[in-house]
């Protein structure tokens, strides 16, 4: 899990959401914004529309944030908001989501 200093605070989240560049992928949408602190800050959102139960939403967030922590070297010094837009139904979906995020971060 990312430490608190690497997570977006409410004001940073709102700023990134309103002013950030938007990109839509097959499993997620992402907002990016160049921050002034030269730090990597990430937020991952799983809407209630996708997963009804909080436990499943939190599990998805934990899995993705743990994956991002292992691949920090690919993350640029920006603010990122990842919003899941499809339900993760199987391990294959999770693997595809992780690959998509990694390809996005490498480019």
PDB file of N, CA and C in Angstrom:
ATOM      1  N   UNK A   1       0.841  -1.179   0.000  1.00  0.00           N
ATOM      2  CA  UNK A   1       0.000   0.000   0.000  1.00  0.00           C
ATOM      3  C   UNK A   1       0.889   1.246   0.000  1.00  0.00           C
ATOM      4  N   UNK A   2       0.483   2.258  -0.703  1.00  0.00           N
ATOM      5  CA  UNK A   2       1.229   3.507  -0.736  1.00  0.00           C
ATOM      6  C   UNK A   2       1.139   4.206   0.614  1.00  0.00           C
ATOM      7  N   UNK A   3       2.215   4.879   0.999  1.00  0.00           N
ATOM      8  CA  UNK A   3       2.188   5.626   2.252  1.00  0.00           C
ATOM      9  C   UNK A   3       1.310   6.866   2.075  1.00  0.00           C
ATOM     10  N   UNK A   4       0.930   7.481   3.183  1.00  0.00           N
ATOM     11  CA  UNK A   4       0.033   8.633   3.124  1.00  0.00           C
ATOM     12  C   UNK A   4       0.636   9.801   2.353  1.00  0.00           C
ATOM     13  N   UNK A   5       1.945   9.942   2.398  1.00  0.00           N
ATOM     14  CA  UNK A   5       2.562  11.061   1.676  1.00  0.00           C
ATOM     15  C   UNK A   5       2.466  10.878   0.160  1.00  0.00           C
ATOM     16  N   UNK A   6       2.226   9.655  -0.308  1.00  0.00           N
ATOM     17  CA  UNK A   6       2.094   9.385  -1.741  1.00  0.00           C
ATOM     18  C   UNK A   6       0.648   9.295  -2.203  1.00  0.00           C
ATOM     19  N   UNK A   7      -0.288   9.612  -1.323  1.00  0.00           N
ATOM     20  CA  UNK A   7      -1.701   9.624  -1.710  1.00  0.00           C
ATOM     21  C   UNK A   7      -2.172  11.057  -1.881  1.00  0.00           C
ATOM     22  N   UNK A   8      -3.121  11.248  -2.776  1.00  0.00           N
ATOM     23  CA  UNK A   8      -3.650  12.584  -3.013  1.00  0.00           C
ATOM     24  C   UNK A   8      -4.538  13.019  -1.855  1.00  0.00           C
ATOM     25  N   UNK A   9      -4.346  14.255  -1.417  1.00  0.00           N
ATOM     26  CA  UNK A   9      -5.233  14.842  -0.419  1.00  0.00           C
ATOM     27  C   UNK A   9      -6.462  15.391  -1.141  1.00  0.00           C
ATOM     28  N   UNK A  10      -7.469  15.778  -0.394  1.00  0.00           N
ATOM     29  CA  UNK A  10      -8.746  16.182  -0.992  1.00  0.00           C
ATOM     30  C   UNK A  10      -8.574  17.330  -1.985  1.00  0.00           C
ATOM     31  N   UNK A  11      -7.839  18.372  -1.613  1.00  0.00           N
ATOM     32  CA  UNK A  11      -7.664  19.522  -2.510  1.00  0.00           C
ATOM     33  C   UNK A  11      -6.880  19.148  -3.762  1.00  0.00           C
ATOM     34  N   UNK A  12      -5.848  18.312  -3.584  1.00  0.00           N
ATOM     35  CA  UNK A  12      -5.062  17.856  -4.738  1.00  0.00           C
ATOM     36  C   UNK A  12      -5.920  16.984  -5.654  1.00  0.00           C
ATOM     37  N   UNK A  13      -6.759  16.155  -5.047  1.00  0.00           N
ATOM     38  CA  UNK A  13      -7.661  15.294  -5.814  1.00  0.00           C
ATOM     39  C   UNK A  13      -8.597  16.146  -6.667  1.00  0.00           C
ATOM     40  N   UNK A  14      -9.217  17.142  -6.046  1.00  0.00           N
ATOM     41  CA  UNK A  14     -10.155  18.015  -6.767  1.00  0.00           C
ATOM     42  C   UNK A  14      -9.448  18.782  -7.884  1.00  0.00           C
ATOM     43  N   UNK A  15      -8.252  19.278  -7.608  1.00  0.00           N
ATOM     44  CA  UNK A  15      -7.482  20.024  -8.610  1.00  0.00           C
ATOM     45  C   UNK A  15      -7.131  19.129  -9.797  1.00  0.00           C
ATOM     46  N   UNK A  16      -6.665  17.911  -9.513  1.00  0.00           N
ATOM     47  CA  UNK A  16      -6.305  16.965 -10.573  1.00  0.00           C
ATOM     48  C   UNK A  16      -7.538  16.569 -11.371  1.00  0.00           C
ATOM     49  N   UNK A  17      -8.651  16.366 -10.682  1.00  0.00           N
ATOM     50  CA  UNK A  17      -9.881  15.954 -11.343  1.00  0.00           C
ATOM     51  C   UNK A  17     -10.416  17.057 -12.265  1.00  0.00           C
ATOM     52  N   UNK A  18     -10.327  18.312 -11.824  1.00  0.00           N
ATOM     53  CA  UNK A  18     -10.862  19.424 -12.616  1.00  0.00           C
ATOM     54  C   UNK A  18      -9.916  19.885 -13.720  1.00  0.00           C
ATOM     55  N   UNK A  19      -8.631  19.985 -13.418  1.00  0.00           N
ATOM     56  CA  UNK A  19      -7.682  20.587 -14.355  1.00  0.00           C
ATOM     57  C   UNK A  19      -6.772  19.594 -15.053  1.00  0.00           C
ATOM     58  N   UNK A  20      -6.808  18.332 -14.635  1.00  0.00           N
ATOM     59  CA  UNK A  20      -5.880  17.345 -15.177  1.00  0.00           C
ATOM     60  C   UNK A  20      -6.253  16.855 -16.563  1.00  0.00           C
ATOM     61  N   UNK A  21      -5.276  16.282 -17.219  1.00  0.00           N
ATOM     62  CA  UNK A  21      -5.495  15.673 -18.527  1.00  0.00           C
ATOM     63  C   UNK A  21      -6.232  14.346 -18.338  1.00  0.00           C
ATOM     64  N   UNK A  22      -7.195  14.074 -19.200  1.00  0.00           N
ATOM     65  CA  UNK A  22      -8.047  12.887 -19.084  1.00  0.00           C
ATOM     66  C   UNK A  22      -7.710  11.902 -20.187  1.00  0.00           C
ATOM     67  N   UNK A  23      -7.662  10.629 -19.814  1.00  0.00           N
ATOM     68  CA  UNK A  23      -7.426   9.566 -20.787  1.00  0.00           C
ATOM     69  C   UNK A  23      -8.311   8.383 -20.440  1.00  0.00           C
ATOM     70  N   UNK A  24      -8.989   7.837 -21.427  1.00  0.00           N
ATOM     71  CA  UNK A  24      -9.878   6.706 -21.202  1.00  0.00           C
ATOM     72  C   UNK A  24      -9.253   5.443 -21.774  1.00  0.00           C
ATOM     73  N   UNK A  25      -9.165   4.416 -20.942  1.00  0.00           N
ATOM     74  CA  UNK A  25      -8.671   3.106 -21.344  1.00  0.00           C
ATOM     75  C   UNK A  25      -9.812   2.104 -21.218  1.00  0.00           C
ATOM     76  N   UNK A  26      -9.559   0.850 -21.553  1.00  0.00           N
ATOM     77  CA  UNK A  26     -10.629  -0.146 -21.555  1.00  0.00           C
ATOM     78  C   UNK A  26     -11.139  -0.467 -20.149  1.00  0.00           C
ATOM     79  N   UNK A  27     -10.260  -0.541 -19.158  1.00  0.00           N
ATOM     80  CA  UNK A  27     -10.672  -0.912 -17.806  1.00  0.00           C
ATOM     81  C   UNK A  27     -10.697   0.257 -16.836  1.00  0.00           C
ATOM     82  N   UNK A  28     -10.065   1.363 -17.197  1.00  0.00           N
ATOM     83  CA  UNK A  28      -9.990   2.481 -16.266  1.00  0.00           C
ATOM     84  C   UNK A  28      -9.893   3.803 -17.015  1.00  0.00           C
ATOM     85  N   UNK A  29     -10.252   4.868 -16.300  1.00  0.00           N
ATOM     86  CA  UNK A  29     -10.027   6.227 -16.765  1.00  0.00           C
ATOM     87  C   UNK A  29      -8.935   6.804 -15.879  1.00  0.00           C
ATOM     88  N   UNK A  30      -8.152   7.711 -16.419  1.00  0.00           N
ATOM     89  CA  UNK A  30      -7.078   8.291 -15.615  1.00  0.00           C
ATOM     90  C   UNK A  30      -7.015   9.797 -15.847  1.00  0.00           C
ATOM     91  N   UNK A  31      -6.821  10.507 -14.762  1.00  0.00           N
ATOM     92  CA  UNK A  31      -6.564  11.946 -14.793  1.00  0.00           C
ATOM     93  C   UNK A  31      -5.137  12.147 -14.324  1.00  0.00           C
ATOM     94  N   UNK A  32      -4.367  12.949 -15.055  1.00  0.00           N
ATOM     95  CA  UNK A  32      -2.994  13.243 -14.650  1.00  0.00           C
ATOM     96  C   UNK A  32      -2.820  14.746 -14.572  1.00  0.00           C
ATOM     97  N   UNK A  33      -1.991  15.161 -13.629  1.00  0.00           N
ATOM     98  CA  UNK A  33      -1.732  16.589 -13.452  1.00  0.00           C
ATOM     99  C   UNK A  33      -0.305  16.753 -12.948  1.00  0.00           C
ATOM    100  N   UNK A  34       0.442  17.633 -13.560  1.00  0.00           N
ATOM    101  CA  UNK A  34       1.831  17.890 -13.151  1.00  0.00           C
ATOM    102  C   UNK A  34       1.800  18.626 -11.813  1.00  0.00           C
ATOM    103  N   UNK A  35       2.366  18.000 -10.781  1.00  0.00           N
ATOM    104  CA  UNK A  35       2.362  18.652  -9.474  1.00  0.00           C
ATOM    105  C   UNK A  35       3.600  19.510  -9.282  1.00  0.00           C
ATOM    106  N   UNK A  36       3.560  20.359  -8.272  1.00  0.00           N
ATOM    107  CA  UNK A  36       4.663  21.293  -8.029  1.00  0.00           C
ATOM    108  C   UNK A  36       5.701  20.728  -7.077  1.00  0.00           C
ATOM    109  N   UNK A  37       5.380  19.637  -6.393  1.00  0.00           N
ATOM    110  CA  UNK A  37       6.262  19.097  -5.361  1.00  0.00           C
ATOM    111  C   UNK A  37       7.282  18.091  -5.892  1.00  0.00           C
ATOM    112  N   UNK A  38       7.189  17.697  -7.135  1.00  0.00           N
ATOM    113  CA  UNK A  38       8.038  16.635  -7.696  1.00  0.00           C
ATOM    114  C   UNK A  38       7.930  15.342  -6.900  1.00  0.00           C
ATOM    115  N   UNK A  39       6.706  14.981  -6.556  1.00  0.00           N
ATOM    116  CA  UNK A  39       6.436  13.721  -5.863  1.00  0.00           C
ATOM    117  C   UNK A  39       5.401  12.949  -6.656  1.00  0.00           C
ATOM    118  N   UNK A  40       5.418  11.643  -6.467  1.00  0.00           N
ATOM    119  CA  UNK A  40       4.423  10.770  -7.089  1.00  0.00           C
ATOM    120  C   UNK A  40       3.231  10.683  -6.148  1.00  0.00           C
ATOM    121  N   UNK A  41       2.064  11.058  -6.617  1.00  0.00           N
ATOM    122  CA  UNK A  41       0.868  10.962  -5.783  1.00  0.00           C
ATOM    123  C   UNK A  41      -0.213  10.254  -6.581  1.00  0.00           C
ATOM    124  N   UNK A  42      -0.846   9.269  -5.942  1.00  0.00           N
ATOM    125  CA  UNK A  42      -1.810   8.423  -6.636  1.00  0.00           C
ATOM    126  C   UNK A  42      -3.067   8.254  -5.812  1.00  0.00           C
ATOM    127  N   UNK A  43      -4.175   8.202  -6.518  1.00  0.00           N
ATOM    128  CA  UNK A  43      -5.449   7.847  -5.905  1.00  0.00           C
ATOM    129  C   UNK A  43      -6.127   6.854  -6.840  1.00  0.00           C
ATOM    130  N   UNK A  44      -6.731   5.832  -6.269  1.00  0.00           N
ATOM    131  CA  UNK A  44      -7.425   4.829  -7.064  1.00  0.00           C
ATOM    132  C   UNK A  44      -8.861   4.751  -6.581  1.00  0.00           C
ATOM    133  N   UNK A  45      -9.819   4.921  -7.502  1.00  0.00           N
ATOM    134  CA  UNK A  45     -11.234   4.989  -7.151  1.00  0.00           C
ATOM    135  C   UNK A  45     -11.979   3.823  -7.784  1.00  0.00           C
ATOM    136  N   UNK A  46     -12.785   3.159  -6.969  1.00  0.00           N
ATOM    137  CA  UNK A  46     -13.690   2.120  -7.459  1.00  0.00           C
ATOM    138  C   UNK A  46     -15.101   2.585  -7.110  1.00  0.00           C
ATOM    139  N   UNK A  47     -15.878   3.054  -8.085  1.00  0.00           N
ATOM    140  CA  UNK A  47     -17.215   3.587  -7.795  1.00  0.00           C
ATOM    141  C   UNK A  47     -18.197   2.524  -7.325  1.00  0.00           C
ATOM    142  N   UNK A  48     -19.213   2.970  -6.605  1.00  0.00           N
ATOM    143  CA  UNK A  48     -20.273   2.067  -6.153  1.00  0.00           C
ATOM    144  C   UNK A  48     -21.022   1.468  -7.335  1.00  0.00           C
ATOM    145  N   UNK A  49     -21.040   2.171  -8.425  1.00  0.00           N
ATOM    146  CA  UNK A  49     -21.698   1.675  -9.633  1.00  0.00           C
ATOM    147  C   UNK A  49     -21.048   0.378 -10.128  1.00  0.00           C
ATOM    148  N   UNK A  50     -19.744   0.243  -9.908  1.00  0.00           N
ATOM    149  CA  UNK A  50     -18.985  -0.928 -10.346  1.00  0.00           C
ATOM    150  C   UNK A  50     -19.065  -2.048  -9.324  1.00  0.00           C
ATOM    151  N   UNK A  51     -18.773  -1.742  -8.066  1.00  0.00           N
ATOM    152  CA  UNK A  51     -18.821  -2.725  -6.968  1.00  0.00           C
ATOM    153  C   UNK A  51     -19.722  -2.187  -5.870  1.00  0.00           C
ATOM    154  N   UNK A  52     -20.757  -2.912  -5.545  1.00  0.00           N
ATOM    155  CA  UNK A  52     -21.716  -2.461  -4.528  1.00  0.00           C
ATOM    156  C   UNK A  52     -21.153  -2.570  -3.112  1.00  0.00           C
ATOM    157  N   UNK A  53     -20.424  -3.623  -2.821  1.00  0.00           N
ATOM    158  CA  UNK A  53     -19.938  -3.865  -1.459  1.00  0.00           C
ATOM    159  C   UNK A  53     -18.592  -3.177  -1.218  1.00  0.00           C
ATOM    160  N   UNK A  54     -18.505  -2.499  -0.080  1.00  0.00           N
ATOM    161  CA  UNK A  54     -17.290  -1.766   0.271  1.00  0.00           C
ATOM    162  C   UNK A  54     -16.085  -2.697   0.395  1.00  0.00           C
ATOM    163  N   UNK A  55     -16.298  -3.892   0.907  1.00  0.00           N
ATOM    164  CA  UNK A  55     -15.191  -4.841   1.069  1.00  0.00           C
ATOM    165  C   UNK A  55     -14.555  -5.181  -0.276  1.00  0.00           C
ATOM    166  N   UNK A  56     -15.382  -5.370  -1.304  1.00  0.00           N
ATOM    167  CA  UNK A  56     -14.850  -5.687  -2.642  1.00  0.00           C
ATOM    168  C   UNK A  56     -14.160  -4.465  -3.255  1.00  0.00           C
ATOM    169  N   UNK A  57     -14.740  -3.265  -3.039  1.00  0.00           N
ATOM    170  CA  UNK A  57     -14.102  -2.045  -3.548  1.00  0.00           C
ATOM    171  C   UNK A  57     -12.730  -1.863  -2.904  1.00  0.00           C
ATOM    172  N   UNK A  58     -12.661  -2.076  -1.601  1.00  0.00           N
ATOM    173  CA  UNK A  58     -11.389  -1.924  -0.889  1.00  0.00           C
ATOM    174  C   UNK A  58     -10.373  -2.986  -1.319  1.00  0.00           C
ATOM    175  N   UNK A  59     -10.844  -4.196  -1.566  1.00  0.00           N
ATOM    176  CA  UNK A  59      -9.948  -5.260  -2.027  1.00  0.00           C
ATOM    177  C   UNK A  59      -9.339  -4.885  -3.382  1.00  0.00           C
ATOM    178  N   UNK A  60     -10.176  -4.381  -4.295  1.00  0.00           N
ATOM    179  CA  UNK A  60      -9.667  -3.954  -5.610  1.00  0.00           C
ATOM    180  C   UNK A  60      -8.631  -2.850  -5.457  1.00  0.00           C
ATOM    181  N   UNK A  61      -8.919  -1.883  -4.601  1.00  0.00           N
ATOM    182  CA  UNK A  61      -7.971  -0.787  -4.378  1.00  0.00           C
ATOM    183  C   UNK A  61      -6.658  -1.314  -3.816  1.00  0.00           C
ATOM    184  N   UNK A  62      -6.732  -2.182  -2.824  1.00  0.00           N
ATOM    185  CA  UNK A  62      -5.521  -2.733  -2.212  1.00  0.00           C
ATOM    186  C   UNK A  62      -4.673  -3.494  -3.227  1.00  0.00           C
ATOM    187  N   UNK A  63      -5.325  -4.298  -4.060  1.00  0.00           N
ATOM    188  CA  UNK A  63      -4.588  -5.082  -5.057  1.00  0.00           C
ATOM    189  C   UNK A  63      -3.862  -4.174  -6.045  1.00  0.00           C
ATOM    190  N   UNK A  64      -4.538  -3.154  -6.527  1.00  0.00           N
ATOM    191  CA  UNK A  64      -3.935  -2.263  -7.522  1.00  0.00           C
ATOM    192  C   UNK A  64      -2.851  -1.395  -6.888  1.00  0.00           C
ATOM    193  N   UNK A  65      -3.110  -0.866  -5.696  1.00  0.00           N
ATOM    194  CA  UNK A  65      -2.096  -0.027  -5.055  1.00  0.00           C
ATOM    195  C   UNK A  65      -0.853  -0.835  -4.681  1.00  0.00           C
ATOM    196  N   UNK A  66      -1.028  -2.097  -4.292  1.00  0.00           N
ATOM    197  CA  UNK A  66       0.126  -2.957  -4.017  1.00  0.00           C
ATOM    198  C   UNK A  66       0.924  -3.192  -5.304  1.00  0.00           C
ATOM    199  N   UNK A  67       0.218  -3.402  -6.406  1.00  0.00           N
ATOM    200  CA  UNK A  67       0.871  -3.569  -7.703  1.00  0.00           C
ATOM    201  C   UNK A  67       1.639  -2.302  -8.086  1.00  0.00           C
ATOM    202  N   UNK A  68       1.027  -1.133  -7.873  1.00  0.00           N
ATOM    203  CA  UNK A  68       1.687   0.123  -8.211  1.00  0.00           C
ATOM    204  C   UNK A  68       2.906   0.367  -7.329  1.00  0.00           C
ATOM    205  N   UNK A  69       2.833  -0.061  -6.090  1.00  0.00           N
ATOM    206  CA  UNK A  69       3.973   0.104  -5.190  1.00  0.00           C
ATOM    207  C   UNK A  69       5.170  -0.711  -5.683  1.00  0.00           C
ATOM    208  N   UNK A  70       4.905  -1.902  -6.204  1.00  0.00           N
ATOM    209  CA  UNK A  70       5.984  -2.734  -6.738  1.00  0.00           C
ATOM    210  C   UNK A  70       6.588  -2.151  -8.015  1.00  0.00           C
ATOM    211  N   UNK A  71       5.806  -1.362  -8.732  1.00  0.00           N
ATOM    212  CA  UNK A  71       6.261  -0.790 -10.009  1.00  0.00           C
ATOM    213  C   UNK A  71       6.428   0.721  -9.927  1.00  0.00           C
ATOM    214  N   UNK A  72       6.888   1.212  -8.791  1.00  0.00           N
ATOM    215  CA  UNK A  72       7.051   2.653  -8.601  1.00  0.00           C
ATOM    216  C   UNK A  72       8.053   3.281  -9.555  1.00  0.00           C
ATOM    217  N   UNK A  73       9.006   2.510 -10.016  1.00  0.00           N
ATOM    218  CA  UNK A  73      10.045   3.074 -10.888  1.00  0.00           C
ATOM    219  C   UNK A  73       9.472   3.604 -12.206  1.00  0.00           C
ATOM    220  N   UNK A  74       8.292   3.121 -12.606  1.00  0.00           N
ATOM    221  CA  UNK A  74       7.679   3.578 -13.850  1.00  0.00           C
ATOM    222  C   UNK A  74       6.782   4.798 -13.658  1.00  0.00           C
ATOM    223  N   UNK A  75       6.504   5.146 -12.420  1.00  0.00           N
ATOM    224  CA  UNK A  75       5.583   6.252 -12.141  1.00  0.00           C
ATOM    225  C   UNK A  75       6.347   7.562 -12.204  1.00  0.00           C
ATOM    226  N   UNK A  76       5.849   8.487 -13.015  1.00  0.00           N
ATOM    227  CA  UNK A  76       6.479   9.795 -13.153  1.00  0.00           C
ATOM    228  C   UNK A  76       6.030  10.694 -12.002  1.00  0.00           C
ATOM    229  N   UNK A  77       6.713  11.813 -11.810  1.00  0.00           N
ATOM    230  CA  UNK A  77       6.377  12.738 -10.730  1.00  0.00           C
ATOM    231  C   UNK A  77       5.159  13.572 -11.118  1.00  0.00           C
ATOM    232  N   UNK A  78       3.998  12.961 -11.012  1.00  0.00           N
ATOM    233  CA  UNK A  78       2.727  13.605 -11.322  1.00  0.00           C
ATOM    234  C   UNK A  78       1.687  13.141 -10.319  1.00  0.00           C
ATOM    235  N   UNK A  79       0.531  13.799 -10.366  1.00  0.00           N
ATOM    236  CA  UNK A  79      -0.628  13.341  -9.619  1.00  0.00           C
ATOM    237  C   UNK A  79      -1.462  12.480 -10.558  1.00  0.00           C
ATOM    238  N   UNK A  80      -1.891  11.315 -10.077  1.00  0.00           N
ATOM    239  CA  UNK A  80      -2.688  10.398 -10.877  1.00  0.00           C
ATOM    240  C   UNK A  80      -3.978  10.047 -10.138  1.00  0.00           C
ATOM    241  N   UNK A  81      -5.079  10.034 -10.861  1.00  0.00           N
ATOM    242  CA  UNK A  81      -6.329   9.483 -10.345  1.00  0.00           C
ATOM    243  C   UNK A  81      -6.753   8.394 -11.317  1.00  0.00           C
ATOM    244  N   UNK A  82      -6.771   7.159 -10.847  1.00  0.00           N
ATOM    245  CA  UNK A  82      -7.256   6.038 -11.644  1.00  0.00           C
ATOM    246  C   UNK A  82      -8.683   5.738 -11.202  1.00  0.00           C
ATOM    247  N   UNK A  83      -9.611   5.691 -12.156  1.00  0.00           N
ATOM    248  CA  UNK A  83     -11.000   5.369 -11.851  1.00  0.00           C
ATOM    249  C   UNK A  83     -11.371   4.109 -12.616  1.00  0.00           C
ATOM    250  N   UNK A  84     -11.697   3.073 -11.882  1.00  0.00           N
ATOM    251  CA  UNK A  84     -12.078   1.801 -12.485  1.00  0.00           C
ATOM    252  C   UNK A  84     -13.426   1.972 -13.181  1.00  0.00           C
ATOM    253  N   UNK A  85     -13.568   1.490 -14.422  1.00  0.00           N
ATOM    254  CA  UNK A  85     -14.850   1.628 -15.114  1.00  0.00           C
ATOM    255  C   UNK A  85     -15.445   0.294 -15.559  1.00  0.00           C
ATOM    256  N   UNK A  86     -14.839  -0.813 -15.139  1.00  0.00           N
ATOM    257  CA  UNK A  86     -15.396  -2.145 -15.390  1.00  0.00           C
ATOM    258  C   UNK A  86     -15.175  -3.007 -14.168  1.00  0.00           C
ATOM    259  N   UNK A  87     -16.081  -3.927 -13.946  1.00  0.00           N
ATOM    260  CA  UNK A  87     -15.976  -4.823 -12.813  1.00  0.00           C
ATOM    261  C   UNK A  87     -14.883  -5.868 -13.061  1.00  0.00           C
ATOM    262  N   UNK A  88     -14.102  -6.146 -12.033  1.00  0.00           N
ATOM    263  CA  UNK A  88     -13.081  -7.185 -12.119  1.00  0.00           C
ATOM    264  C   UNK A  88     -13.752  -8.498 -11.734  1.00  0.00           C
ATOM    265  N   UNK A  89     -13.994  -9.341 -12.730  1.00  0.00           N
ATOM    266  CA  UNK A  89     -14.746 -10.573 -12.498  1.00  0.00           C
ATOM    267  C   UNK A  89     -13.862 -11.791 -12.282  1.00  0.00           C
ATOM    268  N   UNK A  90     -12.631 -11.747 -12.778  1.00  0.00           N
ATOM    269  CA  UNK A  90     -11.766 -12.917 -12.680  1.00  0.00           C
ATOM    270  C   UNK A  90     -10.316 -12.471 -12.535  1.00  0.00           C
ATOM    271  N   UNK A  91      -9.453 -13.438 -12.309  1.00  0.00           N
ATOM    272  CA  UNK A  91      -8.022 -13.141 -12.207  1.00  0.00           C
ATOM    273  C   UNK A  91      -7.479 -12.626 -13.531  1.00  0.00           C
ATOM    274  N   UNK A  92      -8.048 -13.124 -14.626  1.00  0.00           N
ATOM    275  CA  UNK A  92      -7.612 -12.661 -15.951  1.00  0.00           C
ATOM    276  C   UNK A  92      -7.903 -11.174 -16.114  1.00  0.00           C
ATOM    277  N   UNK A  93      -9.070 -10.734 -15.626  1.00  0.00           N
ATOM    278  CA  UNK A  93      -9.407  -9.310 -15.692  1.00  0.00           C
ATOM    279  C   UNK A  93      -8.413  -8.484 -14.877  1.00  0.00           C
ATOM    280  N   UNK A  94      -8.062  -8.983 -13.700  1.00  0.00           N
ATOM    281  CA  UNK A  94      -7.117  -8.275 -12.843  1.00  0.00           C
ATOM    282  C   UNK A  94      -5.745  -8.194 -13.504  1.00  0.00           C
ATOM    283  N   UNK A  95      -5.309  -9.269 -14.105  1.00  0.00           N
ATOM    284  CA  UNK A  95      -4.014  -9.284 -14.801  1.00  0.00           C
ATOM    285  C   UNK A  95      -4.034  -8.309 -15.983  1.00  0.00           C
ATOM    286  N   UNK A  96      -5.139  -8.307 -16.735  1.00  0.00           N
ATOM    287  CA  UNK A  96      -5.264  -7.383 -17.863  1.00  0.00           C
ATOM    288  C   UNK A  96      -5.243  -5.938 -17.376  1.00  0.00           C
ATOM    289  N   UNK A  97      -5.927  -5.654 -16.264  1.00  0.00           N
ATOM    290  CA  UNK A  97      -5.944  -4.310 -15.697  1.00  0.00           C
ATOM    291  C   UNK A  97      -4.537  -3.885 -15.283  1.00  0.00           C
ATOM    292  N   UNK A  98      -3.822  -4.772 -14.612  1.00  0.00           N
ATOM    293  CA  UNK A  98      -2.447  -4.454 -14.196  1.00  0.00           C
ATOM    294  C   UNK A  98      -1.550  -4.201 -15.395  1.00  0.00           C
ATOM    295  N   UNK A  99      -1.674  -5.022 -16.431  1.00  0.00           N
ATOM    296  CA  UNK A  99      -0.877  -4.813 -17.648  1.00  0.00           C
ATOM    297  C   UNK A  99      -1.215  -3.483 -18.309  1.00  0.00           C
ATOM    298  N   UNK A 100      -2.489  -3.144 -18.347  1.00  0.00           N
ATOM    299  CA  UNK A 100      -2.914  -1.878 -18.948  1.00  0.00           C
ATOM    300  C   UNK A 100      -2.344  -0.690 -18.187  1.00  0.00           C
ATOM    301  N   UNK A 101      -2.385  -0.768 -16.865  1.00  0.00           N
ATOM    302  CA  UNK A 101      -1.842   0.325 -16.049  1.00  0.00           C
ATOM    303  C   UNK A 101      -0.338   0.440 -16.254  1.00  0.00           C
ATOM    304  N   UNK A 102       0.352  -0.689 -16.281  1.00  0.00           N
ATOM    305  CA  UNK A 102       1.794  -0.673 -16.473  1.00  0.00           C
ATOM    306  C   UNK A 102       2.164  -0.100 -17.845  1.00  0.00           C
ATOM    307  N   UNK A 103       1.444  -0.483 -18.892  1.00  0.00           N
ATOM    308  CA  UNK A 103       1.697   0.070 -20.232  1.00  0.00           C
ATOM    309  C   UNK A 103       1.437   1.567 -20.249  1.00  0.00           C
ATOM    310  N   UNK A 104       0.379   2.002 -19.565  1.00  0.00           N
ATOM    311  CA  UNK A 104       0.091   3.439 -19.493  1.00  0.00           C
ATOM    312  C   UNK A 104       1.229   4.188 -18.814  1.00  0.00           C
ATOM    313  N   UNK A 105       1.725   3.653 -17.709  1.00  0.00           N
ATOM    314  CA  UNK A 105       2.785   4.343 -16.957  1.00  0.00           C
ATOM    315  C   UNK A 105       4.106   4.353 -17.718  1.00  0.00           C
ATOM    316  N   UNK A 106       4.377   3.320 -18.512  1.00  0.00           N
ATOM    317  CA  UNK A 106       5.633   3.266 -19.271  1.00  0.00           C
ATOM    318  C   UNK A 106       5.652   4.279 -20.412  1.00  0.00           C
ATOM    319  N   UNK A 107       4.485   4.619 -20.944  1.00  0.00           N
ATOM    320  CA  UNK A 107       4.422   5.550 -22.084  1.00  0.00           C
ATOM    321  C   UNK A 107       4.305   6.981 -21.651  1.00  0.00           C
TER     322      UNK A 107
END
